Protein backbone atom coordinates (compact mmCIF):
# COMPACT_ATOMS: atom_id res chain seq x y z
CA MET A 1 41.32 117.65 115.59
CA ILE A 2 41.97 114.11 116.75
CA ILE A 3 43.94 111.61 114.67
CA GLY A 4 44.74 108.01 115.50
CA PHE A 5 47.42 105.48 114.63
CA ASP A 6 47.29 101.71 114.49
CA ALA A 7 50.07 99.53 115.90
CA ASN A 8 51.86 99.29 112.54
CA ILE A 9 52.21 103.07 112.32
CA TRP A 10 53.58 103.25 115.89
CA ILE A 11 55.96 100.38 115.23
CA ALA A 12 57.20 102.12 112.06
CA ARG A 13 57.98 105.12 114.28
CA TYR A 14 60.00 103.16 116.82
CA ASP A 15 61.55 100.36 114.75
CA PRO A 16 63.17 101.26 111.42
CA SER A 17 64.05 97.58 110.85
CA ILE A 18 60.44 96.47 110.37
CA ARG A 19 59.36 94.84 107.15
CA THR A 20 58.58 97.80 104.93
CA PRO A 21 54.84 98.15 104.35
CA ILE A 22 53.63 98.13 100.75
CA ASP A 23 51.91 101.11 99.16
CA PRO A 24 48.51 99.72 98.11
CA SER A 25 48.24 102.07 95.13
CA SER A 26 51.68 101.32 93.61
CA GLY A 27 52.49 97.88 95.02
CA GLN A 28 55.96 99.19 95.95
CA PRO A 29 57.59 99.34 99.40
CA ILE A 30 57.01 102.63 101.21
CA THR A 31 60.23 104.58 101.57
CA HIS A 32 61.23 106.44 104.73
CA ALA A 33 58.38 105.03 106.86
CA GLN A 34 59.96 106.12 110.15
CA GLN A 35 60.67 109.64 108.90
CA ARG A 36 57.12 109.99 107.57
CA VAL A 37 55.58 109.03 110.93
CA LYS A 38 57.96 111.28 112.89
CA ALA A 39 57.12 114.20 110.57
CA LEU A 40 53.37 113.56 110.97
CA ILE A 41 53.70 113.49 114.76
CA LYS A 42 55.72 116.72 114.68
CA GLN A 43 53.19 118.40 112.37
CA ALA A 44 50.27 117.24 114.54
CA GLY A 45 51.97 118.80 117.56
CA GLN A 46 52.53 122.08 115.71
CA ASP A 47 48.90 122.09 114.57
CA LYS A 48 47.74 121.34 118.14
CA HIS A 49 46.09 118.07 117.07
CA THR A 50 45.63 115.22 119.50
CA ILE A 51 47.04 111.81 118.60
CA LEU A 52 44.71 109.12 119.91
CA ILE A 53 46.21 105.83 121.07
CA PRO A 54 43.51 103.18 121.60
CA THR A 55 44.53 100.84 124.45
CA PRO A 56 44.49 97.69 122.25
CA VAL A 57 46.97 99.46 119.94
CA LEU A 58 49.13 100.53 122.87
CA SER A 59 49.21 96.98 124.22
CA GLU A 60 50.27 95.53 120.87
CA VAL A 61 53.00 98.13 120.41
CA LEU A 62 54.37 97.69 123.93
CA ALA A 63 54.61 93.93 123.41
CA TYR A 64 56.39 94.44 120.07
CA THR A 65 58.82 97.20 121.02
CA ASP A 66 59.93 95.33 124.16
CA ASP A 67 63.24 97.07 124.96
CA ARG A 68 61.99 100.48 123.72
CA ARG A 69 58.60 100.37 125.42
CA PHE A 70 59.72 102.55 128.33
CA GLU A 71 61.01 105.18 125.90
CA MET A 72 57.63 105.13 124.17
CA LEU A 73 55.68 105.33 127.43
CA ALA A 74 57.82 108.26 128.58
CA ALA A 75 57.21 110.08 125.28
CA ILE A 76 53.46 109.54 125.62
CA ALA A 77 53.42 110.65 129.26
CA LYS A 78 55.33 113.88 128.69
CA SER A 79 53.46 115.02 125.58
CA ALA A 80 50.25 116.97 125.75
CA HIS A 81 49.44 115.82 122.21
CA PHE A 82 49.03 112.11 122.96
CA GLN A 83 45.81 110.73 124.43
CA VAL A 84 45.52 107.10 125.49
CA ALA A 85 41.91 106.06 124.95
CA SER A 86 40.47 103.16 126.91
CA PHE A 87 37.85 100.66 125.95
CA ASP A 88 35.34 102.21 128.32
CA MET A 89 31.55 102.07 128.73
CA LYS A 90 30.94 104.44 125.82
CA ALA A 91 33.15 102.35 123.52
CA ALA A 92 31.49 99.16 124.78
CA VAL A 93 28.06 100.53 123.84
CA GLU A 94 29.36 101.51 120.39
CA LEU A 95 30.92 98.07 119.92
CA ALA A 96 27.66 96.41 120.98
CA GLU A 97 25.88 98.34 118.22
CA MET A 98 28.54 97.19 115.73
CA ASN A 99 28.16 93.60 116.92
CA LEU A 100 24.36 93.74 116.65
CA GLU A 101 24.71 94.95 113.07
CA ALA A 102 27.22 92.17 112.37
CA ALA A 103 24.94 89.53 113.93
CA VAL A 104 22.31 90.28 111.28
CA GLY A 105 24.76 89.52 108.48
CA ASP A 106 28.39 88.53 108.31
CA LYS A 107 29.97 88.66 111.80
CA ARG A 108 33.33 89.52 110.19
CA PHE A 109 31.90 92.28 107.94
CA GLY A 110 33.53 90.61 104.95
CA SER A 111 36.98 90.39 106.52
CA GLU A 112 39.01 87.26 105.82
CA ASP A 113 40.99 87.70 109.05
CA PRO A 114 40.48 85.38 112.03
CA TYR A 115 37.40 86.28 114.06
CA GLN A 116 39.47 87.18 117.16
CA LYS A 117 41.37 89.78 115.12
CA THR A 118 38.12 91.22 113.75
CA LYS A 119 36.83 91.62 117.30
CA ILE A 120 39.93 93.61 118.31
CA ASP A 121 39.73 95.68 115.12
CA ARG A 122 36.13 96.57 115.95
CA GLN A 123 37.19 97.55 119.49
CA ILE A 124 39.77 99.92 118.01
CA ALA A 125 37.21 101.37 115.58
CA ALA A 126 34.71 101.85 118.43
CA ILE A 127 37.31 103.61 120.58
CA CYS A 128 38.16 105.92 117.68
CA LYS A 129 34.54 106.72 116.94
CA VAL A 130 33.51 107.57 120.51
CA ASN A 131 36.63 109.72 120.97
CA ASP A 132 35.81 111.78 117.86
CA CYS A 133 38.86 110.61 115.94
CA LYS A 134 38.59 112.26 112.52
CA THR A 135 41.44 110.46 110.72
CA PHE A 136 42.95 107.06 111.46
CA TYR A 137 46.29 106.00 109.96
CA THR A 138 46.74 102.28 109.35
CA THR A 139 48.41 99.76 107.07
CA ASP A 140 45.83 97.13 107.98
CA ARG A 141 43.13 96.93 105.32
CA SER A 142 40.58 95.15 107.55
CA LEU A 143 41.02 97.59 110.43
CA GLY A 144 40.76 100.46 107.96
CA ASN A 145 37.53 99.03 106.57
CA PHE A 146 36.01 98.79 110.07
CA ALA A 147 36.99 102.35 110.96
CA ARG A 148 35.72 103.66 107.61
CA ARG A 149 32.46 101.73 107.98
CA PHE A 150 31.81 103.54 111.26
CA GLY A 151 32.53 107.04 110.01
CA VAL A 152 36.27 107.55 110.57
CA GLU A 153 38.40 108.79 107.68
CA VAL A 154 41.16 106.27 107.00
CA LYS A 155 44.61 106.99 105.60
CA HIS A 156 47.48 104.66 104.82
CA LEU A 157 51.12 105.11 105.83
CA SER A 158 51.76 105.87 102.14
CA ASP A 159 49.42 108.90 102.43
CA ILE A 160 51.82 110.57 104.86
CA PRO A 161 53.92 112.96 102.78
CA LEU A 162 57.61 112.35 102.42
CA PRO A 163 59.39 114.89 104.65
CA GLU A 164 61.34 117.56 102.78
CA GLU A 165 64.64 116.58 104.39
CA THR A 166 64.41 113.05 102.95
CA LYS A 167 63.70 114.10 99.37
CA GLN A 168 66.62 113.91 96.98
CA TYR A 169 67.13 116.70 94.53
CA ARG A 170 68.73 116.39 91.11
CA MET A 171 72.14 118.01 90.90
CA PHE A 172 71.61 118.99 87.29
CA PRO A 173 68.51 120.07 85.38
CA ASP A 174 67.01 117.41 83.08
CA ASP A 175 68.60 118.94 79.97
CA GLN A 176 72.16 118.57 81.35
CA GLU A 177 73.19 114.96 81.81
């Protein structure tokens, strides 16, 4: 199975100091974002899943991580579970179909984001679709909507389970306080 991450998920993996994303269902900050992403990557490796990295996502993350970008590139290069996916001819054809559909109606597909951002989001969605990405993890609602619209299951950072080692256990049962 192939899963994909947006830039925010990758940045959560490499930079624990980022502004904590908000859980859309509870409205509360997501705890242990970095540990969640690391655990998902580890589990994907154990399950022999491929983690797709669309090139627009990679570019954004490399620009953000700056001093850690070489560490990230080395991790990607040495792992058999990461696949960098280019905006190639197949993705361009898929994006053209998306754009033709958008030209008939709202060119932003209802997104309130700037048009340039919506174009990049559609590129990422097209790359995911043509590379058979089954699940895409994102904290970006607009990007998630594009991916979902074109048949990719979308999950939020908050959907990644809290790793066992980060859970706190009560020292005493509820009846003994």
